[in-house]
N, C-alpha and C. Protein backbone atom coordinates (compact mmCIF):
# COMPACT_ATOMS: atom_id res chain seq x y z
N MET A 1 1.09 -1.11 -0.29
CA MET A 1 -0.10 0.09 -0.17
C MET A 1 0.98 1.09 0.19
N LYS A 2 1.56 0.96 0.64
CA LYS A 2 2.85 2.61 0.57
C LYS A 2 3.23 2.66 -0.76
N THR A 3 3.39 1.44 -1.96
CA THR A 3 3.31 2.02 -2.87
C THR A 3 2.53 2.84 -3.66
N ARG A 4 1.71 2.58 -3.73
CA ARG A 4 0.26 2.71 -3.94
C ARG A 4 -0.38 4.08 -3.67
N THR A 5 -0.02 4.28 -2.33
CA THR A 5 0.25 5.98 -1.51
C THR A 5 0.95 6.60 -2.64
N ALA A 6 2.13 6.03 -2.68
CA ALA A 6 3.31 7.33 -3.52
C ALA A 6 2.63 7.64 -4.74
N PHE A 7 2.32 6.64 -5.70
CA PHE A 7 1.22 6.78 -6.58
C PHE A 7 0.63 8.06 -6.62
N ALA A 8 -0.41 7.85 -5.28
CA ALA A 8 -1.52 8.86 -5.68
C ALA A 8 -0.70 10.49 -5.38
N VAL A 9 0.51 10.06 -4.18
CA VAL A 9 1.13 11.60 -4.16
C VAL A 9 1.36 12.20 -5.52
N ALA A 10 2.38 11.38 -6.10
CA ALA A 10 3.13 11.57 -7.46
C ALA A 10 1.71 12.33 -8.32
N ARG A 11 0.77 11.74 -8.46
CA ARG A 11 -0.22 12.14 -9.33
C ARG A 11 -1.01 13.62 -9.13
N LEU A 12 -1.24 13.58 -7.26
CA LEU A 12 -1.79 14.87 -6.92
C LEU A 12 -0.72 15.65 -7.47
N GLY A 13 0.59 15.67 -7.27
CA GLY A 13 1.54 16.66 -7.97
C GLY A 13 1.85 17.03 -8.98
N LEU A 14 1.61 16.14 -10.04
CA LEU A 14 1.28 16.30 -11.40
C LEU A 14 0.02 17.19 -11.64
N ALA A 15 -0.94 16.69 -11.12
CA ALA A 15 -2.25 17.54 -11.61
C ALA A 15 -1.83 18.98 -11.15
N ALA A 16 -1.63 18.99 -10.18
CA ALA A 16 -1.32 20.01 -9.54
C ALA A 16 -0.50 21.39 -10.63
N VAL A 17 0.57 20.39 -10.88
CA VAL A 17 1.74 21.41 -11.56
C VAL A 17 0.57 21.44 -13.14
N GLY A 18 -0.21 20.47 -13.79
CA GLY A 18 -0.81 20.66 -14.57
C GLY A 18 -1.35 21.69 -14.91
N LEU A 19 -2.43 22.06 -13.56
CA LEU A 19 -3.13 23.09 -13.34
C LEU A 19 -2.38 24.30 -13.01
N PHE A 20 -1.26 24.39 -12.81
CA PHE A 20 -0.16 25.55 -12.74
C PHE A 20 0.14 26.08 -14.33
N ALA A 21 0.85 25.04 -14.92
CA ALA A 21 0.98 25.26 -15.99
C ALA A 21 -0.33 26.09 -17.14
N LEU A 22 -1.37 25.37 -17.40
CA LEU A 22 -2.44 25.83 -18.07
C LEU A 22 -2.77 27.53 -17.44
N ILE A 23 -2.69 27.55 -16.06
CA ILE A 23 -2.90 28.97 -15.92
C ILE A 23 -1.62 29.88 -16.24
N GLY A 24 -0.52 29.09 -15.97
CA GLY A 24 0.79 30.27 -16.75
C GLY A 24 0.52 30.31 -17.87
N TYR A 25 -0.07 29.40 -18.62
CA TYR A 25 -0.07 29.23 -20.13
C TYR A 25 -1.32 30.70 -20.58
N PHE A 26 -2.45 30.25 -19.64
CA PHE A 26 -3.41 31.90 -19.90
C PHE A 26 -2.77 32.64 -20.18
N TYR A 27 -2.53 33.14 -19.07
CA TYR A 27 -1.66 34.56 -18.61
C TYR A 27 -0.90 34.89 -20.17
N TYR A 28 -0.16 33.98 -20.19
CA TYR A 28 1.09 34.15 -21.46
C TYR A 28 0.51 35.02 -22.69
N THR A 29 -1.00 34.31 -22.87
CA THR A 29 -1.55 34.03 -24.60
C THR A 29 -2.13 35.18 -24.35
N LEU A 30 -2.75 35.68 -23.19
CA LEU A 30 -3.49 37.23 -22.83
C LEU A 30 -2.48 38.29 -23.80
N GLY A 31 -1.04 38.07 -23.61
CA GLY A 31 -0.02 38.95 -24.25
C GLY A 31 -0.02 39.23 -25.86
N VAL A 32 -0.60 37.98 -26.44
CA VAL A 32 -0.54 37.94 -27.80
C VAL A 32 -1.85 38.70 -28.12
N ALA A 33 -1.61 39.60 -29.19
CA ALA A 33 -2.42 40.84 -29.78
C ALA A 33 -3.84 39.97 -30.31
N SER A 34 -3.14 38.36 -31.07
CA SER A 34 -4.52 38.41 -31.78
C SER A 34 -5.67 36.91 -30.46
N PHE A 35 -5.23 37.07 -29.31
CA PHE A 35 -5.80 36.70 -27.87
C PHE A 35 -7.32 36.51 -28.02
N ALA A 36 -8.22 35.72 -28.08
CA ALA A 36 -9.51 35.36 -27.81
C ALA A 36 -10.11 34.35 -27.13
N MET A 37 -10.80 34.28 -25.88
CA MET A 37 -11.00 33.23 -25.08
C MET A 37 -11.73 31.88 -26.00
N ALA A 38 -11.93 32.07 -26.71
CA ALA A 38 -12.80 31.36 -27.39
C ALA A 38 -11.39 30.52 -28.40
N ASN A 39 -10.86 30.84 -28.97
CA ASN A 39 -9.31 30.09 -29.49
C ASN A 39 -8.88 29.41 -28.58
N PHE A 40 -8.57 30.20 -27.40
CA PHE A 40 -7.32 29.53 -26.51
C PHE A 40 -8.26 27.97 -25.86
N PHE A 41 -9.21 28.07 -25.71
CA PHE A 41 -9.90 26.65 -25.33
C PHE A 41 -10.21 26.10 -26.67
N SER A 42 -9.56 25.93 -27.74
CA SER A 42 -10.14 25.59 -28.82
C SER A 42 -8.61 24.88 -29.61
N TYR A 43 -7.42 25.12 -28.60
CA TYR A 43 -6.31 24.65 -28.73
C TYR A 43 -6.69 23.15 -28.39
N PHE A 44 -5.94 22.08 -29.37
CA PHE A 44 -6.24 20.36 -28.68
C PHE A 44 -5.09 20.24 -27.68
N THR A 45 -4.02 21.22 -27.50
CA THR A 45 -3.43 21.11 -25.95
C THR A 45 -3.98 21.30 -24.95
N VAL A 46 -4.85 22.45 -25.08
CA VAL A 46 -5.32 22.57 -23.75
C VAL A 46 -6.18 22.28 -23.33
N GLN A 47 -7.24 21.74 -24.43
CA GLN A 47 -8.23 20.87 -24.41
C GLN A 47 -7.91 19.63 -23.61
N SER A 48 -7.03 18.86 -23.78
CA SER A 48 -5.93 17.51 -23.64
C SER A 48 -5.68 17.80 -22.43
N ALA A 49 -5.13 18.89 -22.14
CA ALA A 49 -4.29 19.09 -20.72
C ALA A 49 -5.73 19.24 -19.88
N ILE A 50 -6.50 19.92 -19.84
CA ILE A 50 -7.95 20.37 -18.98
C ILE A 50 -8.31 18.69 -18.57
N ALA A 51 -8.37 18.05 -19.57
CA ALA A 51 -8.78 16.91 -19.39
C ALA A 51 -7.62 15.99 -18.51
N SER A 52 -6.36 15.91 -19.08
CA SER A 52 -5.65 15.27 -18.35
C SER A 52 -5.28 15.53 -17.18
N VAL A 53 -5.51 16.84 -16.51
CA VAL A 53 -5.53 17.35 -15.03
C VAL A 53 -7.07 16.03 -14.27
N ALA A 54 -7.93 16.71 -14.70
CA ALA A 54 -9.42 16.21 -14.66
C ALA A 54 -8.81 14.43 -14.08
N VAL A 55 -8.30 13.76 -14.75
CA VAL A 55 -8.66 12.58 -14.98
C VAL A 55 -7.23 11.64 -14.03
N ILE A 56 -6.16 12.93 -14.25
CA ILE A 56 -4.94 12.47 -12.96
C ILE A 56 -5.28 12.88 -11.86
N LEU A 57 -6.16 13.82 -11.71
CA LEU A 57 -6.83 13.90 -9.91
C LEU A 57 -7.57 12.94 -9.55
N THR A 58 -8.60 11.99 -10.40
CA THR A 58 -9.14 11.02 -10.21
C THR A 58 -8.62 10.20 -9.52
N ALA A 59 -7.41 9.84 -10.85
CA ALA A 59 -6.78 8.53 -10.26
C ALA A 59 -5.97 9.05 -9.07
N ALA A 60 -5.56 9.77 -8.77
CA ALA A 60 -4.61 9.95 -7.78
C ALA A 60 -5.53 9.58 -6.47
N ILE A 61 -7.02 10.45 -6.23
CA ILE A 61 -7.46 9.76 -5.64
C ILE A 61 -8.19 8.59 -5.30
N VAL A 62 -8.34 7.79 -6.05
CA VAL A 62 -8.93 6.47 -6.59
C VAL A 62 -7.81 5.57 -6.11
N ALA A 63 -6.01 5.84 -6.03
CA ALA A 63 -5.31 5.37 -5.27
C ALA A 63 -5.63 5.44 -4.02
N LEU A 64 -5.70 6.52 -3.77
CA LEU A 64 -5.62 6.55 -1.70
C LEU A 64 -6.78 5.65 -1.60
N ARG A 65 -7.95 5.40 -2.05
CA ARG A 65 -9.08 4.46 -2.03
C ARG A 65 -9.18 3.31 -2.30
N ARG A 66 -8.78 3.10 -3.29
CA ARG A 66 -8.33 1.48 -3.78
C ARG A 66 -7.42 1.01 -3.92
N PRO A 67 -6.85 -0.80 -3.72
CA PRO A 67 -5.36 -0.90 -4.09
C PRO A 67 -5.59 -0.84 -5.36
N ILE A 68 -6.28 -1.09 -6.35
CA ILE A 68 -5.97 -0.87 -8.24
C ILE A 68 -7.22 -0.04 -8.19
N ASP A 69 -6.73 -0.24 -9.56
CA ASP A 69 -7.56 0.86 -10.40
C ASP A 69 -8.82 0.50 -10.80
N PRO A 70 -9.71 0.55 -11.63
CA PRO A 70 -11.23 0.17 -12.42
C PRO A 70 -10.66 0.28 -13.86
N ALA A 71 -10.76 -0.56 -14.00
CA ALA A 71 -10.72 -0.56 -15.92
C ALA A 71 -11.24 0.90 -16.72
N TRP A 72 -12.26 1.36 -16.33
CA TRP A 72 -12.40 2.39 -16.99
C TRP A 72 -11.08 3.45 -16.90
N LEU A 73 -10.89 3.99 -15.58
CA LEU A 73 -10.18 4.77 -15.09
C LEU A 73 -9.12 4.75 -16.06
N ASP A 74 -8.67 3.52 -16.06
CA ASP A 74 -7.05 3.04 -16.98
C ASP A 74 -7.04 3.74 -18.14
N MET A 75 -8.40 3.13 -18.77
CA MET A 75 -8.92 3.64 -19.81
C MET A 75 -8.90 4.93 -20.32
N LEU A 76 -9.38 5.64 -19.55
CA LEU A 76 -9.59 7.29 -19.35
C LEU A 76 -7.62 7.88 -19.30
N ARG A 77 -7.06 7.25 -18.76
CA ARG A 77 -5.90 7.71 -18.48
C ARG A 77 -5.31 7.52 -19.64
N ALA A 78 -4.93 6.40 -20.13
CA ALA A 78 -4.66 5.88 -21.87
C ALA A 78 -4.94 7.07 -22.40
N MET A 79 -6.06 7.22 -22.82
CA MET A 79 -6.66 8.10 -23.52
C MET A 79 -5.85 9.62 -23.44
N VAL A 80 -6.14 10.18 -22.25
CA VAL A 80 -5.51 11.46 -22.09
C VAL A 80 -3.99 11.41 -22.14
N THR A 81 -2.97 10.75 -21.94
CA THR A 81 -1.71 10.32 -22.01
C THR A 81 -1.46 10.15 -23.32
N THR A 82 -2.56 9.66 -24.20
CA THR A 82 -2.16 9.37 -25.85
C THR A 82 -2.28 11.00 -25.90
N TYR A 83 -3.35 11.59 -25.80
CA TYR A 83 -3.31 13.21 -26.35
C TYR A 83 -2.56 14.23 -26.10
N ILE A 84 -2.37 14.25 -24.76
CA ILE A 84 -1.05 14.86 -23.82
C ILE A 84 0.42 14.68 -25.01
N LEU A 85 0.58 13.18 -25.11
CA LEU A 85 1.78 13.01 -26.18
C LEU A 85 1.74 13.40 -27.50
N VAL A 86 0.82 13.31 -28.02
CA VAL A 86 0.61 13.49 -29.32
C VAL A 86 0.87 15.13 -29.58
N SER A 87 0.31 15.84 -28.30
CA SER A 87 0.44 17.36 -28.39
C SER A 87 1.97 17.35 -28.32
N GLY A 88 2.60 17.31 -27.52
CA GLY A 88 3.77 17.45 -27.18
C GLY A 88 4.66 16.58 -28.78
N VAL A 89 4.46 15.95 -29.29
CA VAL A 89 5.23 15.31 -30.48
C VAL A 89 5.07 16.43 -31.80
N VAL A 90 3.96 16.81 -31.64
CA VAL A 90 3.23 17.61 -32.94
C VAL A 90 3.77 18.78 -32.52
N TYR A 91 3.80 19.69 -31.01
CA TYR A 91 4.33 20.60 -30.79
C TYR A 91 6.07 21.07 -31.44
N GLY A 92 6.44 19.58 -30.84
CA GLY A 92 7.62 19.51 -31.01
C GLY A 92 8.39 19.64 -32.89
N ILE A 93 7.92 18.73 -33.66
CA ILE A 93 7.44 19.28 -34.91
C ILE A 93 7.35 20.40 -35.21
N ILE A 94 6.56 21.29 -34.79
CA ILE A 94 6.08 22.70 -35.56
C ILE A 94 7.49 23.11 -35.22
N VAL A 95 8.42 23.27 -33.70
CA VAL A 95 9.75 24.06 -33.21
C VAL A 95 10.36 23.74 -34.15
N TRP A 96 10.43 22.68 -34.35
CA TRP A 96 11.73 22.01 -35.14
C TRP A 96 11.84 22.80 -36.72
N GLN A 97 10.32 22.48 -37.17
CA GLN A 97 10.27 22.83 -38.49
C GLN A 97 10.59 24.95 -38.58
N SER A 98 10.06 25.55 -37.60
CA SER A 98 10.14 26.62 -37.60
C SER A 98 11.66 27.43 -37.54
N SER A 99 12.61 26.32 -36.82
CA SER A 99 13.95 26.57 -37.16
C SER A 99 14.32 26.47 -38.41
N SER A 100 14.14 25.53 -38.74
CA SER A 100 14.34 25.03 -40.07
C SER A 100 14.07 26.36 -41.26
N ALA A 101 12.97 26.77 -40.91
CA ALA A 101 12.35 27.70 -42.12
C ALA A 101 12.81 29.07 -41.68
N ASN A 102 13.17 29.38 -41.08
CA ASN A 102 14.22 30.68 -40.85
C ASN A 102 13.14 31.70 -40.18
N TYR A 103 12.28 31.14 -39.17
CA TYR A 103 11.20 32.02 -38.41
C TYR A 103 11.74 31.42 -36.79
N SER A 104 10.92 31.80 -35.68
CA SER A 104 11.24 31.17 -34.58
C SER A 104 9.67 31.15 -33.78
N ILE A 105 9.63 30.20 -33.06
CA ILE A 105 8.56 30.35 -32.19
C ILE A 105 8.83 30.14 -30.26
N GLU A 106 8.34 31.21 -30.12
CA GLU A 106 8.40 30.93 -28.71
C GLU A 106 8.07 30.35 -27.79
N VAL A 107 8.97 29.42 -27.01
CA VAL A 107 8.48 28.48 -26.51
C VAL A 107 8.30 28.59 -24.87
N PRO A 108 7.41 29.14 -24.00
CA PRO A 108 7.71 29.52 -22.20
C PRO A 108 7.57 29.14 -21.25
N TRP A 109 8.13 29.63 -20.29
CA TRP A 109 8.00 27.89 -19.46
C TRP A 109 6.67 27.12 -19.36
N SER A 110 5.42 27.73 -19.67
CA SER A 110 3.99 26.93 -19.13
C SER A 110 3.94 26.32 -20.16
N SER A 111 4.13 26.33 -21.32
CA SER A 111 4.43 25.52 -22.81
C SER A 111 5.22 24.53 -22.85
N GLN A 112 6.33 24.52 -21.80
CA GLN A 112 7.53 23.67 -21.72
C GLN A 112 7.00 22.59 -21.00
N LEU A 113 6.13 22.95 -20.08
CA LEU A 113 5.78 21.88 -19.54
C LEU A 113 4.07 21.22 -20.01
N LEU A 114 3.48 22.08 -20.32
CA LEU A 114 2.27 21.23 -21.37
C LEU A 114 2.99 20.42 -22.02
N HIS A 115 3.39 20.89 -23.30
CA HIS A 115 3.73 20.03 -24.09
C HIS A 115 4.98 18.98 -24.10
N PHE A 116 6.08 19.37 -23.01
CA PHE A 116 7.06 17.88 -22.90
C PHE A 116 7.49 17.55 -21.46
N VAL A 117 6.78 18.34 -20.58
CA VAL A 117 7.42 17.87 -19.04
C VAL A 117 6.56 16.83 -18.49
N ILE A 118 5.04 17.37 -18.48
CA ILE A 118 4.05 17.08 -17.96
C ILE A 118 3.52 15.44 -18.80
N PRO A 119 3.63 15.40 -20.49
CA PRO A 119 3.57 14.14 -21.09
C PRO A 119 4.25 12.99 -19.97
N ALA A 120 5.73 13.36 -20.51
CA ALA A 120 6.83 13.03 -20.04
C ALA A 120 6.54 11.94 -18.56
N CYS A 121 5.93 12.58 -17.87
CA CYS A 121 5.66 12.26 -16.59
C CYS A 121 4.75 11.81 -16.41
N ALA A 122 3.71 11.60 -17.46
CA ALA A 122 2.18 10.91 -17.85
C ALA A 122 2.77 9.69 -18.14
N LEU A 123 3.99 9.61 -18.87
CA LEU A 123 4.01 8.25 -19.67
C LEU A 123 4.96 7.43 -19.00
N ILE A 124 6.13 7.98 -18.18
CA ILE A 124 6.71 7.26 -16.67
C ILE A 124 5.42 7.07 -15.90
N ASP A 125 4.54 7.57 -15.30
CA ASP A 125 3.30 7.04 -14.67
C ASP A 125 2.74 5.68 -15.39
N TRP A 126 2.47 5.55 -16.76
CA TRP A 126 1.73 4.87 -17.38
C TRP A 126 2.73 3.20 -17.49
N MET A 127 3.89 3.87 -17.22
CA MET A 127 5.34 2.64 -18.00
C MET A 127 5.40 1.74 -16.71
N ILE A 128 5.28 2.51 -15.21
CA ILE A 128 5.73 2.02 -14.24
C ILE A 128 5.05 1.56 -13.15
N ASP A 129 3.36 2.06 -13.29
CA ASP A 129 2.06 1.75 -12.99
C ASP A 129 1.97 -0.02 -12.67
N PRO A 130 2.14 -0.43 -11.55
CA PRO A 130 1.24 -1.73 -11.81
C PRO A 130 0.47 -2.65 -11.51
N PHE A 131 -0.86 -1.33 -10.93
CA PHE A 131 -2.04 -1.82 -10.28
C PHE A 131 -3.03 -0.96 -11.76
N LYS A 132 -2.71 -1.08 -13.13
CA LYS A 132 -3.39 -0.28 -13.75
C LYS A 132 -3.67 -2.41 -14.64
N ALA A 133 -5.27 -2.00 -15.14
CA ALA A 133 -5.92 -2.89 -15.87
C ALA A 133 -5.39 -3.22 -17.15
N ARG A 134 -5.49 -4.44 -17.99
CA ARG A 134 -5.26 -4.74 -19.11
C ARG A 134 -6.10 -4.34 -19.95
N LEU A 135 -5.91 -3.47 -21.02
CA LEU A 135 -6.75 -2.83 -21.64
C LEU A 135 -6.91 -3.98 -23.09
N PRO A 136 -8.32 -3.71 -23.15
CA PRO A 136 -8.46 -4.06 -24.52
C PRO A 136 -8.21 -3.73 -25.92
N TRP A 137 -7.89 -4.23 -27.09
CA TRP A 137 -7.36 -3.79 -28.67
C TRP A 137 -9.15 -3.00 -28.66
N LYS A 138 -9.66 -3.37 -28.42
CA LYS A 138 -10.83 -2.51 -28.98
C LYS A 138 -10.60 -1.22 -28.48
N TYR A 139 -10.10 -0.48 -27.84
CA TYR A 139 -9.94 0.78 -27.28
C TYR A 139 -9.73 1.74 -27.92
N LEU A 140 -9.08 0.97 -29.03
CA LEU A 140 -8.43 1.48 -29.60
C LEU A 140 -9.50 2.83 -30.39
N GLY A 141 -10.09 2.30 -30.92
CA GLY A 141 -11.30 2.32 -31.43
C GLY A 141 -12.10 4.31 -30.96
N TRP A 142 -12.03 4.05 -29.60
CA TRP A 142 -12.28 4.65 -28.69
C TRP A 142 -11.19 6.11 -28.58
N ALA A 143 -9.98 5.62 -28.45
CA ALA A 143 -8.94 6.47 -28.29
C ALA A 143 -9.30 7.55 -29.67
N ILE A 144 -9.84 7.59 -30.70
CA ILE A 144 -10.03 8.11 -31.72
C ILE A 144 -10.85 9.13 -31.80
N VAL A 145 -11.51 8.80 -31.04
CA VAL A 145 -13.26 9.55 -31.39
C VAL A 145 -12.85 10.93 -30.93
N PHE A 146 -12.23 11.52 -29.56
CA PHE A 146 -12.49 12.54 -29.83
C PHE A 146 -11.69 13.68 -30.38
N PRO A 147 -9.85 12.55 -31.24
CA PRO A 147 -9.44 13.62 -31.86
C PRO A 147 -9.90 13.97 -33.25
N VAL A 148 -11.10 12.85 -33.79
CA VAL A 148 -11.51 13.01 -34.79
C VAL A 148 -12.73 14.25 -34.79
N LEU A 149 -13.30 14.17 -33.68
CA LEU A 149 -14.40 15.02 -33.56
C LEU A 149 -14.07 16.81 -33.72
N TRP A 150 -13.10 16.61 -32.60
CA TRP A 150 -11.75 17.78 -32.64
C TRP A 150 -11.51 18.01 -33.90
N LEU A 151 -10.93 17.52 -34.61
CA LEU A 151 -10.65 18.10 -36.28
C LEU A 151 -11.84 18.49 -36.85
N VAL A 152 -13.04 17.56 -36.82
CA VAL A 152 -14.15 17.90 -37.32
C VAL A 152 -15.01 19.44 -37.39
N PHE A 153 -14.61 19.77 -35.76
CA PHE A 153 -15.07 20.86 -35.05
C PHE A 153 -13.96 22.31 -35.89
N THR A 154 -12.79 22.14 -35.57
CA THR A 154 -11.73 22.82 -36.13
C THR A 154 -11.85 23.19 -37.22
N LEU A 155 -12.16 22.17 -37.97
CA LEU A 155 -12.16 22.44 -39.95
C LEU A 155 -13.50 23.51 -40.05
N ILE A 156 -14.53 22.76 -39.26
CA ILE A 156 -15.71 23.41 -39.40
C ILE A 156 -15.65 25.48 -39.35
N ARG A 157 -15.35 25.21 -38.14
CA ARG A 157 -15.31 26.79 -37.17
C ARG A 157 -13.99 27.25 -37.80
N GLY A 158 -13.06 26.87 -38.10
CA GLY A 158 -11.89 27.49 -38.56
C GLY A 158 -12.36 28.74 -40.00
N PRO A 159 -13.10 28.09 -41.14
CA PRO A 159 -13.80 29.26 -42.03
C PRO A 159 -14.58 30.15 -41.45
N ILE A 160 -15.08 29.63 -40.35
CA ILE A 160 -16.31 30.99 -39.83
C ILE A 160 -15.80 31.73 -38.90
N VAL A 161 -14.74 31.76 -38.16
CA VAL A 161 -14.07 32.86 -37.42
C VAL A 161 -12.62 32.77 -38.46
N GLY A 162 -12.53 32.27 -38.88
CA GLY A 162 -11.10 32.83 -39.55
C GLY A 162 -9.89 32.87 -38.70
N TRP A 163 -9.85 31.67 -38.72
CA TRP A 163 -8.73 31.13 -37.44
C TRP A 163 -8.46 29.55 -37.13
N TYR A 164 -7.49 28.98 -37.07
CA TYR A 164 -7.26 27.88 -36.66
C TYR A 164 -6.30 27.87 -35.66
N PRO A 165 -6.52 26.94 -35.21
CA PRO A 165 -5.40 26.94 -34.30
C PRO A 165 -4.03 26.46 -34.34
N TYR A 166 -3.66 25.56 -35.80
CA TYR A 166 -2.34 25.02 -35.76
C TYR A 166 -2.62 25.65 -37.30
N PHE A 167 -1.40 25.70 -37.85
CA PHE A 167 -1.21 26.20 -39.52
C PHE A 167 -1.49 25.49 -40.49
N PHE A 168 -1.26 24.11 -40.03
CA PHE A 168 -1.60 22.83 -41.36
C PHE A 168 -3.15 22.74 -40.92
N LEU A 169 -3.75 23.18 -40.81
CA LEU A 169 -5.45 23.26 -40.46
C LEU A 169 -5.93 24.13 -41.41
N ASP A 170 -4.86 25.12 -41.86
CA ASP A 170 -5.97 26.12 -42.74
C ASP A 170 -4.77 25.87 -44.02
N ALA A 171 -5.58 25.51 -45.29
CA ALA A 171 -5.54 25.26 -46.08
C ALA A 171 -4.83 26.54 -47.15
N ARG A 172 -5.08 27.60 -46.68
CA ARG A 172 -4.64 28.39 -47.31
C ARG A 172 -3.27 29.04 -46.98
N GLN A 173 -2.26 28.19 -45.87
CA GLN A 173 -1.17 28.53 -45.31
C GLN A 173 -0.19 27.28 -45.90
N VAL A 174 -1.39 26.09 -46.46
CA VAL A 174 -0.34 25.13 -47.14
C VAL A 174 -0.92 25.08 -48.39
N SER A 175 -0.07 24.26 -49.16
CA SER A 175 -0.52 23.50 -50.68
C SER A 175 -2.00 24.22 -50.85
N GLY A 176 -2.91 23.41 -49.79
CA GLY A 176 -4.08 23.58 -50.30
C GLY A 176 -4.79 22.33 -49.50
N PRO A 177 -6.16 22.00 -49.39
CA PRO A 177 -7.06 20.96 -48.93
C PRO A 177 -6.09 19.36 -48.62
N GLY A 178 -5.73 19.20 -49.95
CA GLY A 178 -5.41 18.16 -50.24
C GLY A 178 -4.04 17.64 -48.81
N GLU A 179 -3.08 18.75 -48.49
CA GLU A 179 -2.16 19.04 -47.57
C GLU A 179 -2.15 18.99 -46.11
N THR A 180 -3.75 19.38 -45.86
CA THR A 180 -4.52 19.71 -44.74
C THR A 180 -4.93 18.48 -44.52
N VAL A 181 -5.38 17.66 -45.54
CA VAL A 181 -6.27 16.08 -44.90
C VAL A 181 -5.10 15.29 -44.78
N SER A 182 -3.76 15.32 -45.83
CA SER A 182 -2.37 14.85 -45.37
C SER A 182 -1.96 14.95 -43.58
N TYR A 183 -1.70 16.28 -43.21
CA TYR A 183 -1.62 16.18 -42.15
C TYR A 183 -2.41 15.44 -41.12
N CYS A 184 -4.06 15.68 -41.37
CA CYS A 184 -4.78 15.19 -40.50
C CYS A 184 -5.11 13.58 -40.35
N LEU A 185 -4.65 13.01 -41.68
CA LEU A 185 -4.26 11.77 -41.57
C LEU A 185 -3.27 11.56 -40.86
N ILE A 186 -2.19 11.78 -40.55
CA ILE A 186 -0.69 11.80 -40.46
C ILE A 186 -0.93 12.06 -38.94
N ILE A 187 -2.13 12.90 -38.44
CA ILE A 187 -2.43 13.07 -36.68
C ILE A 187 -2.73 11.88 -36.45
N VAL A 188 -3.85 11.42 -36.95
CA VAL A 188 -4.88 10.28 -36.76
C VAL A 188 -4.11 9.09 -36.19
N ALA A 189 -2.93 8.70 -37.25
CA ALA A 189 -2.28 7.58 -37.45
C ALA A 189 -1.15 7.87 -35.99
N ILE A 190 -0.73 8.92 -35.98
CA ILE A 190 0.15 9.02 -34.74
C ILE A 190 -0.40 8.99 -33.46
N ILE A 191 -1.65 9.11 -33.65
CA ILE A 191 -3.00 9.22 -32.25
C ILE A 191 -2.63 7.60 -31.71
N THR A 192 -3.10 7.05 -33.22
CA THR A 192 -4.04 5.44 -32.66
C THR A 192 -2.41 4.33 -32.31
N GLY A 193 -0.99 4.92 -33.12
CA GLY A 193 0.02 4.33 -33.17
C GLY A 193 0.75 4.20 -31.27
N ILE A 194 0.35 5.41 -30.83
CA ILE A 194 0.58 6.04 -29.37
C ILE A 194 -0.66 5.16 -28.65
N ALA A 195 -1.92 5.28 -28.94
CA ALA A 195 -2.69 4.63 -28.02
C ALA A 195 -2.47 2.98 -28.27
N ALA A 196 -1.89 2.18 -29.44
CA ALA A 196 -1.78 0.97 -29.22
C ALA A 196 -0.69 0.88 -28.54
N LEU A 197 0.63 1.46 -28.52
CA LEU A 197 1.67 1.09 -27.55
C LEU A 197 1.40 1.47 -26.14
N LEU A 198 0.53 2.15 -25.58
CA LEU A 198 0.35 2.26 -24.51
C LEU A 198 -0.25 0.92 -24.28
N THR A 199 -1.16 0.88 -25.13
CA THR A 199 -2.28 -1.01 -25.06
C THR A 199 -1.30 -1.90 -24.32
N TRP A 200 -0.37 -1.93 -25.46
CA TRP A 200 0.82 -3.25 -25.19
C TRP A 200 1.18 -2.79 -24.04
N ILE A 201 1.65 -2.01 -23.48
CA ILE A 201 2.34 -1.78 -22.23
C ILE A 201 1.45 -2.66 -20.85
N THR A 202 0.56 -2.40 -21.23
CA THR A 202 -0.68 -2.89 -20.16
C THR A 202 -0.16 -4.87 -20.35
N ARG A 203 0.01 -5.28 -21.03
CA ARG A 203 0.20 -6.57 -21.43
C ARG A 203 1.54 -7.28 -21.36
N LEU A 204 2.47 -6.27 -20.88
CA LEU A 204 3.99 -6.81 -20.34
C LEU A 204 3.53 -7.86 -19.10
N LYS A 205 4.62 -7.58 -18.50
CA LYS A 205 4.86 -8.20 -17.25
C LYS A 205 3.48 -8.12 -15.70
N ARG A 206 2.75 -8.48 -15.45
CA ARG A 206 1.98 -8.01 -14.92
C ARG A 206 1.70 -8.90 -13.46
N MET A 207 0.85 -8.06 -12.43
CA MET A 207 0.07 -8.67 -11.34
C MET A 207 -0.65 -10.15 -11.50
N PRO A 208 -0.82 -10.47 -10.49
CA PRO A 208 -1.69 -12.27 -10.73
C PRO A 208 -2.52 -11.93 -11.01
N ARG A 209 -3.14 -11.88 -11.98
CA ARG A 209 -4.59 -12.01 -12.34
C ARG A 209 -5.52 -11.67 -11.81
N HIS A 210 -6.09 -12.65 -10.47
CA HIS A 210 -7.30 -12.33 -9.55
C HIS A 210 -7.36 -11.09 -9.06
N LEU A 211 -5.70 -10.32 -9.33
CA LEU A 211 -5.76 -9.02 -8.47
C LEU A 211 -6.23 -7.54 -9.51
N LEU A 212 -6.77 -8.48 -10.65
CA LEU A 212 -6.86 -7.02 -11.59
C LEU A 212 -7.94 -7.23 -11.71
N PRO A 213 -9.17 -5.83 -11.83
CA PRO A 213 -10.41 -5.48 -11.81
C PRO A 213 -10.80 -6.08 -13.31
N PRO A 214 -11.71 -6.44 -13.72
CA PRO A 214 -12.20 -6.80 -15.13
C PRO A 214 -12.90 -6.12 -15.53
N TRP A 215 -12.66 -5.77 -16.65
CA TRP A 215 -12.94 -4.86 -17.87
C TRP A 215 -14.56 -4.82 -17.52
N GLY A 216 -14.63 -3.49 -17.19
CA GLY A 216 -15.96 -2.51 -17.23
C GLY A 216 -16.11 -2.45 -15.55
N SER A 217 -15.29 -2.75 -14.77
CA SER A 217 -15.94 -3.31 -13.47
C SER A 217 -16.34 -1.48 -12.86
N ALA A 218 -17.28 -1.48 -12.07
CA ALA A 218 -17.03 0.16 -11.56
C ALA A 218 -16.42 0.47 -10.40
N LEU A 219 -16.12 1.80 -10.28
CA LEU A 219 -15.53 1.87 -9.04
C LEU A 219 -16.64 1.92 -7.93
């Protein structure tokens, strides 16, 4: 139980850091001339970070109350971990491309926490956690539902408000709709790949099966 408590405390700390980073990122974007409240909350990074804080906090509370995690919670953890990892990967690629295209992107401390530090910590938590349930492969279908809905919403909203959270979603900033579609397919593929990796991790060395909750068990 001491190990379980340590995981709970670590998750409480990670959730606090996530909330701190979100507040810091919000105040940073206030200084941007094009800032708009609706646009801020339209970023995939922001939405996935908010969800991750809620889920990690829930996981911390459950860790203090139960010896093992219910499978539904581990599915949510896998989802938000996938999303924040994807945010970090995509953001890292954008920053890397900017350096090769002779323009720079400022990366404030809050952005570094949201895109790199928190995803890395969440991944470590997932990898070393011995109390997580074995996820079924059909989970992968659920993992891409939110990102696909977000992409559809963003592509519909973009022309209406004249703003896109990421340049590659705006056909005017790339070679055309074809390249935008290609980027979207790549993102979906990355999400599916990371979700598959996290699912595979749950099938490695495990606790005795009788100690794990059955899929679909309730809290």
